[in-house]
Amino acid sequence: SPLSPTGSQTTQQLLDPSWTPAVLWDRVTLTCKGSGTPSDTTWYKEGQRWGQEGSNPLLVTESGTYQCDRPGTGLSRSVQVLDDWLVLQVPARQLLEGDTVKLQCRG
């Protein structure tokens, strides 16, 4: 995907707990950050409108790929929530080559 120009604002999805991929049994909450107010949020699951309009944060109750949209800053990157028995997770932040990263294996 193309990089945003420096200084431009984008819509972000924050994950709690902040590990990726997220797992359903962690009671995952997604928070959408962008222009406008939290009630301006539209959620998508697998590309289809999902959940109650304007509910922000969103408690995830089904596995899948989620995005949020805010007027002015657009669609966020997608976040995957799995319902697997065993998962290898990394911190949900931008990782750069050379970073020391803590991994966790959960089941």
N, C-alpha and C. Protein backbone atom coordinates (compact mmCIF):
# COMPACT_ATOMS: atom_id res chain seq x y z
N SER A 1 0.84 -1.19 0.00
CA SER A 1 0.00 0.00 0.00
C SER A 1 0.88 1.24 0.00
N PRO A 2 0.45 2.31 -0.68
CA PRO A 2 1.28 3.52 -0.74
C PRO A 2 1.40 4.19 0.62
N LEU A 3 2.54 4.80 0.86
CA LEU A 3 2.76 5.49 2.12
C LEU A 3 2.08 6.85 2.08
N SER A 4 1.60 7.27 3.24
CA SER A 4 0.97 8.59 3.33
C SER A 4 2.05 9.66 3.26
N PRO A 5 1.73 10.80 2.66
CA PRO A 5 2.70 11.90 2.66
C PRO A 5 3.02 12.33 4.09
N THR A 6 4.24 12.74 4.32
CA THR A 6 4.66 13.17 5.65
C THR A 6 3.73 14.27 6.16
N GLY A 7 3.28 14.08 7.41
CA GLY A 7 2.44 15.11 8.03
C GLY A 7 0.96 14.89 7.79
N SER A 8 0.58 14.02 6.86
CA SER A 8 -0.86 13.82 6.65
C SER A 8 -1.41 12.94 7.76
N GLN A 9 -2.66 13.19 8.12
CA GLN A 9 -3.28 12.45 9.20
C GLN A 9 -4.00 11.23 8.62
N THR A 10 -3.89 10.12 9.31
CA THR A 10 -4.57 8.91 8.88
C THR A 10 -5.43 8.36 10.02
N THR A 11 -6.38 7.51 9.67
CA THR A 11 -7.20 6.85 10.67
C THR A 11 -6.43 5.65 11.21
N GLN A 12 -6.42 5.50 12.52
CA GLN A 12 -5.69 4.39 13.15
C GLN A 12 -6.64 3.55 13.99
N GLN A 13 -6.38 2.25 14.00
CA GLN A 13 -7.08 1.33 14.90
C GLN A 13 -6.13 0.93 16.00
N LEU A 14 -6.52 1.14 17.24
CA LEU A 14 -5.69 0.72 18.37
C LEU A 14 -6.28 -0.55 18.95
N LEU A 15 -5.40 -1.48 19.29
CA LEU A 15 -5.77 -2.81 19.72
C LEU A 15 -5.51 -2.96 21.21
N ASP A 16 -6.46 -3.49 21.96
CA ASP A 16 -6.26 -3.79 23.38
C ASP A 16 -6.77 -5.19 23.65
N PRO A 17 -5.94 -6.13 24.12
CA PRO A 17 -4.50 -5.98 24.38
C PRO A 17 -3.70 -5.76 23.09
N SER A 18 -2.54 -5.11 23.23
CA SER A 18 -1.81 -4.64 22.05
C SER A 18 -0.81 -5.67 21.52
N TRP A 19 -1.34 -6.85 21.13
CA TRP A 19 -0.56 -7.90 20.49
C TRP A 19 -1.24 -8.30 19.20
N THR A 20 -0.43 -8.64 18.19
CA THR A 20 -1.00 -9.04 16.91
C THR A 20 -0.37 -10.35 16.44
N PRO A 21 -1.13 -11.27 15.82
CA PRO A 21 -2.57 -11.15 15.61
C PRO A 21 -3.32 -11.25 16.94
N ALA A 22 -4.44 -10.55 17.02
CA ALA A 22 -5.26 -10.59 18.22
C ALA A 22 -6.00 -11.92 18.28
N VAL A 23 -6.37 -12.34 19.49
CA VAL A 23 -7.13 -13.58 19.64
C VAL A 23 -8.44 -13.29 20.37
N LEU A 24 -9.50 -13.89 19.88
CA LEU A 24 -10.85 -13.63 20.38
C LEU A 24 -10.97 -13.85 21.87
N TRP A 25 -10.29 -14.88 22.39
CA TRP A 25 -10.43 -15.19 23.82
C TRP A 25 -9.74 -14.19 24.74
N ASP A 26 -9.15 -13.13 24.21
CA ASP A 26 -8.57 -12.05 25.02
C ASP A 26 -9.56 -10.91 25.29
N ARG A 27 -10.80 -11.04 24.85
CA ARG A 27 -11.76 -9.94 24.93
C ARG A 27 -11.16 -8.68 24.30
N VAL A 28 -10.94 -8.74 23.00
CA VAL A 28 -10.27 -7.69 22.24
C VAL A 28 -11.18 -6.47 22.07
N THR A 29 -10.61 -5.29 22.30
CA THR A 29 -11.30 -4.03 22.07
C THR A 29 -10.54 -3.25 21.01
N LEU A 30 -11.26 -2.75 20.01
CA LEU A 30 -10.67 -1.89 18.98
C LEU A 30 -11.13 -0.46 19.22
N THR A 31 -10.20 0.48 19.14
CA THR A 31 -10.51 1.90 19.26
C THR A 31 -10.07 2.59 17.98
N CYS A 32 -10.96 3.39 17.40
CA CYS A 32 -10.67 4.09 16.15
C CYS A 32 -10.29 5.54 16.45
N LYS A 33 -9.14 5.96 15.93
CA LYS A 33 -8.66 7.33 16.11
C LYS A 33 -8.54 8.00 14.75
N GLY A 34 -9.08 9.19 14.63
CA GLY A 34 -9.00 9.94 13.37
C GLY A 34 -9.70 11.27 13.52
N SER A 35 -10.00 11.92 12.40
CA SER A 35 -10.65 13.22 12.46
C SER A 35 -12.10 13.05 12.90
N GLY A 36 -12.70 14.14 13.37
CA GLY A 36 -14.08 14.08 13.83
C GLY A 36 -14.16 13.57 15.26
N THR A 37 -15.34 13.11 15.64
CA THR A 37 -15.56 12.62 17.00
C THR A 37 -15.71 11.09 16.97
N PRO A 38 -15.57 10.43 18.13
CA PRO A 38 -15.74 8.97 18.15
C PRO A 38 -17.06 8.50 17.55
N SER A 39 -18.11 9.30 17.67
CA SER A 39 -19.42 8.89 17.13
C SER A 39 -19.46 8.94 15.60
N ASP A 40 -18.41 9.51 14.96
CA ASP A 40 -18.33 9.53 13.48
C ASP A 40 -17.74 8.23 12.92
N THR A 41 -17.50 7.24 13.77
CA THR A 41 -16.82 6.00 13.36
C THR A 41 -17.77 5.03 12.65
N THR A 42 -17.30 4.46 11.54
CA THR A 42 -17.98 3.35 10.89
C THR A 42 -17.03 2.16 10.90
N TRP A 43 -17.54 0.99 11.33
CA TRP A 43 -16.73 -0.22 11.42
C TRP A 43 -17.04 -1.15 10.26
N TYR A 44 -16.02 -1.89 9.82
CA TYR A 44 -16.17 -2.89 8.76
C TYR A 44 -15.54 -4.20 9.20
N LYS A 45 -16.22 -5.29 8.89
CA LYS A 45 -15.67 -6.63 9.10
C LYS A 45 -15.74 -7.35 7.76
N GLU A 46 -14.59 -7.84 7.29
CA GLU A 46 -14.50 -8.48 5.97
C GLU A 46 -15.05 -7.55 4.88
N GLY A 47 -14.87 -6.24 5.03
CA GLY A 47 -15.29 -5.28 4.03
C GLY A 47 -16.76 -4.87 4.09
N GLN A 48 -17.53 -5.45 5.02
CA GLN A 48 -18.96 -5.12 5.16
C GLN A 48 -19.18 -4.30 6.42
N ARG A 49 -20.11 -3.34 6.36
CA ARG A 49 -20.43 -2.56 7.57
C ARG A 49 -20.73 -3.50 8.73
N TRP A 50 -20.26 -3.14 9.91
CA TRP A 50 -20.34 -4.05 11.04
C TRP A 50 -20.66 -3.28 12.32
N GLY A 51 -21.53 -3.86 13.13
CA GLY A 51 -21.79 -3.30 14.45
C GLY A 51 -22.60 -2.02 14.40
N GLN A 52 -22.75 -1.45 15.56
CA GLN A 52 -23.56 -0.25 15.71
C GLN A 52 -22.78 0.98 15.25
N GLU A 53 -23.40 1.77 14.40
CA GLU A 53 -22.77 3.00 13.91
C GLU A 53 -22.33 3.86 15.09
N GLY A 54 -21.10 4.33 15.05
CA GLY A 54 -20.62 5.25 16.07
C GLY A 54 -20.16 4.60 17.36
N SER A 55 -20.26 3.27 17.50
CA SER A 55 -19.78 2.65 18.73
C SER A 55 -18.25 2.60 18.69
N ASN A 56 -17.61 3.30 19.58
CA ASN A 56 -16.16 3.42 19.60
C ASN A 56 -15.72 3.65 21.04
N PRO A 57 -15.04 2.71 21.70
CA PRO A 57 -14.44 1.51 21.15
C PRO A 57 -15.46 0.40 20.84
N LEU A 58 -14.96 -0.63 20.12
CA LEU A 58 -15.77 -1.77 19.72
C LEU A 58 -15.23 -3.03 20.38
N LEU A 59 -16.09 -3.74 21.12
CA LEU A 59 -15.70 -5.03 21.68
C LEU A 59 -15.91 -6.08 20.60
N VAL A 60 -14.85 -6.81 20.24
CA VAL A 60 -14.91 -7.79 19.17
C VAL A 60 -15.52 -9.09 19.69
N THR A 61 -16.57 -9.57 19.01
CA THR A 61 -17.26 -10.79 19.44
C THR A 61 -17.13 -11.92 18.43
N GLU A 62 -16.53 -11.64 17.27
CA GLU A 62 -16.35 -12.66 16.23
C GLU A 62 -14.96 -12.49 15.62
N SER A 63 -14.36 -13.63 15.25
CA SER A 63 -13.07 -13.55 14.56
C SER A 63 -13.28 -12.94 13.17
N GLY A 64 -12.22 -12.37 12.62
CA GLY A 64 -12.31 -11.77 11.30
C GLY A 64 -11.32 -10.64 11.14
N THR A 65 -11.44 -9.93 10.02
CA THR A 65 -10.56 -8.80 9.71
C THR A 65 -11.38 -7.52 9.80
N TYR A 66 -10.93 -6.59 10.64
CA TYR A 66 -11.68 -5.38 10.94
C TYR A 66 -10.96 -4.13 10.46
N GLN A 67 -11.75 -3.13 10.04
CA GLN A 67 -11.25 -1.80 9.71
C GLN A 67 -12.25 -0.78 10.26
N CYS A 68 -11.77 0.44 10.45
CA CYS A 68 -12.69 1.52 10.81
C CYS A 68 -12.48 2.68 9.86
N ASP A 69 -13.51 3.51 9.75
CA ASP A 69 -13.49 4.65 8.84
C ASP A 69 -13.91 5.90 9.58
N ARG A 70 -13.19 6.99 9.33
CA ARG A 70 -13.55 8.30 9.89
C ARG A 70 -13.57 9.30 8.74
N PRO A 71 -14.59 10.17 8.71
CA PRO A 71 -14.63 11.17 7.64
C PRO A 71 -13.39 12.08 7.72
N GLY A 72 -12.78 12.33 6.59
CA GLY A 72 -11.61 13.22 6.59
C GLY A 72 -10.30 12.47 6.62
N THR A 73 -10.20 11.39 7.40
CA THR A 73 -8.94 10.64 7.45
C THR A 73 -9.08 9.25 6.83
N GLY A 74 -10.29 8.82 6.51
CA GLY A 74 -10.48 7.61 5.72
C GLY A 74 -10.41 6.30 6.47
N LEU A 75 -10.12 5.24 5.70
CA LEU A 75 -10.15 3.87 6.21
C LEU A 75 -8.82 3.52 6.87
N SER A 76 -8.91 2.85 8.02
CA SER A 76 -7.70 2.41 8.74
C SER A 76 -7.10 1.18 8.06
N ARG A 77 -5.91 0.81 8.49
CA ARG A 77 -5.34 -0.48 8.13
C ARG A 77 -6.20 -1.55 8.79
N SER A 78 -6.14 -2.77 8.28
CA SER A 78 -6.96 -3.83 8.85
C SER A 78 -6.27 -4.48 10.05
N VAL A 79 -7.11 -5.00 10.95
CA VAL A 79 -6.65 -5.73 12.13
C VAL A 79 -7.31 -7.10 12.09
N GLN A 80 -6.49 -8.14 12.25
CA GLN A 80 -7.02 -9.50 12.21
C GLN A 80 -7.23 -10.01 13.63
N VAL A 81 -8.40 -10.61 13.88
CA VAL A 81 -8.71 -11.23 15.16
C VAL A 81 -8.97 -12.71 14.88
N LEU A 82 -8.16 -13.58 15.50
CA LEU A 82 -8.25 -15.03 15.27
C LEU A 82 -8.99 -15.73 16.40
N ASP A 83 -9.52 -16.92 16.08
CA ASP A 83 -10.12 -17.77 17.10
C ASP A 83 -9.37 -19.09 17.13
N ASP A 84 -8.03 -19.01 17.09
CA ASP A 84 -7.19 -20.20 17.05
C ASP A 84 -6.83 -20.67 18.46
N TRP A 85 -6.45 -21.94 18.57
CA TRP A 85 -6.05 -22.51 19.87
C TRP A 85 -4.65 -22.09 20.26
N LEU A 86 -3.80 -21.88 19.27
CA LEU A 86 -2.39 -21.56 19.53
C LEU A 86 -1.98 -20.44 18.58
N VAL A 87 -1.34 -19.40 19.11
CA VAL A 87 -0.97 -18.27 18.26
C VAL A 87 0.35 -17.66 18.73
N LEU A 88 1.20 -17.28 17.76
CA LEU A 88 2.45 -16.58 18.04
C LEU A 88 2.19 -15.10 17.81
N GLN A 89 2.39 -14.29 18.85
CA GLN A 89 2.05 -12.87 18.77
C GLN A 89 3.29 -11.98 18.87
N VAL A 90 3.20 -10.82 18.24
CA VAL A 90 4.21 -9.77 18.33
C VAL A 90 3.51 -8.48 18.79
N PRO A 91 4.25 -7.52 19.35
CA PRO A 91 3.62 -6.26 19.77
C PRO A 91 2.93 -5.57 18.59
N ALA A 92 1.76 -5.02 18.83
CA ALA A 92 0.98 -4.35 17.77
C ALA A 92 1.47 -2.92 17.60
N ARG A 93 2.67 -2.79 17.07
CA ARG A 93 3.24 -1.47 16.77
C ARG A 93 4.14 -1.64 15.56
N GLN A 94 4.52 -0.52 14.96
CA GLN A 94 5.40 -0.61 13.80
C GLN A 94 6.76 -1.14 14.22
N LEU A 95 7.19 -2.19 13.55
CA LEU A 95 8.49 -2.79 13.86
C LEU A 95 9.47 -2.47 12.74
N LEU A 96 10.68 -2.14 13.12
CA LEU A 96 11.72 -1.81 12.15
C LEU A 96 12.84 -2.83 12.23
N GLU A 97 13.55 -3.02 11.12
CA GLU A 97 14.68 -3.94 11.11
C GLU A 97 15.68 -3.53 12.18
N GLY A 98 16.13 -4.51 12.95
CA GLY A 98 17.08 -4.24 14.02
C GLY A 98 16.43 -4.07 15.38
N ASP A 99 15.10 -3.90 15.43
CA ASP A 99 14.41 -3.80 16.71
C ASP A 99 14.51 -5.11 17.47
N THR A 100 14.63 -5.01 18.80
CA THR A 100 14.52 -6.19 19.65
C THR A 100 13.04 -6.38 19.93
N VAL A 101 12.54 -7.58 19.64
CA VAL A 101 11.11 -7.82 19.73
C VAL A 101 10.83 -8.98 20.68
N LYS A 102 9.87 -8.78 21.57
CA LYS A 102 9.41 -9.86 22.45
C LYS A 102 8.27 -10.58 21.73
N LEU A 103 8.41 -11.89 21.59
CA LEU A 103 7.34 -12.71 21.00
C LEU A 103 6.65 -13.47 22.13
N GLN A 104 5.37 -13.73 21.95
CA GLN A 104 4.72 -14.60 22.93
C GLN A 104 3.89 -15.66 22.20
N CYS A 105 4.03 -16.89 22.70
CA CYS A 105 3.28 -18.02 22.16
C CYS A 105 2.17 -18.32 23.15
N ARG A 106 0.92 -18.27 22.67
CA ARG A 106 -0.22 -18.39 23.60
C ARG A 106 -1.16 -19.47 23.13
N GLY A 107 -1.76 -20.12 24.11
CA GLY A 107 -2.72 -21.17 23.77
C GLY A 107 -3.72 -21.39 24.87
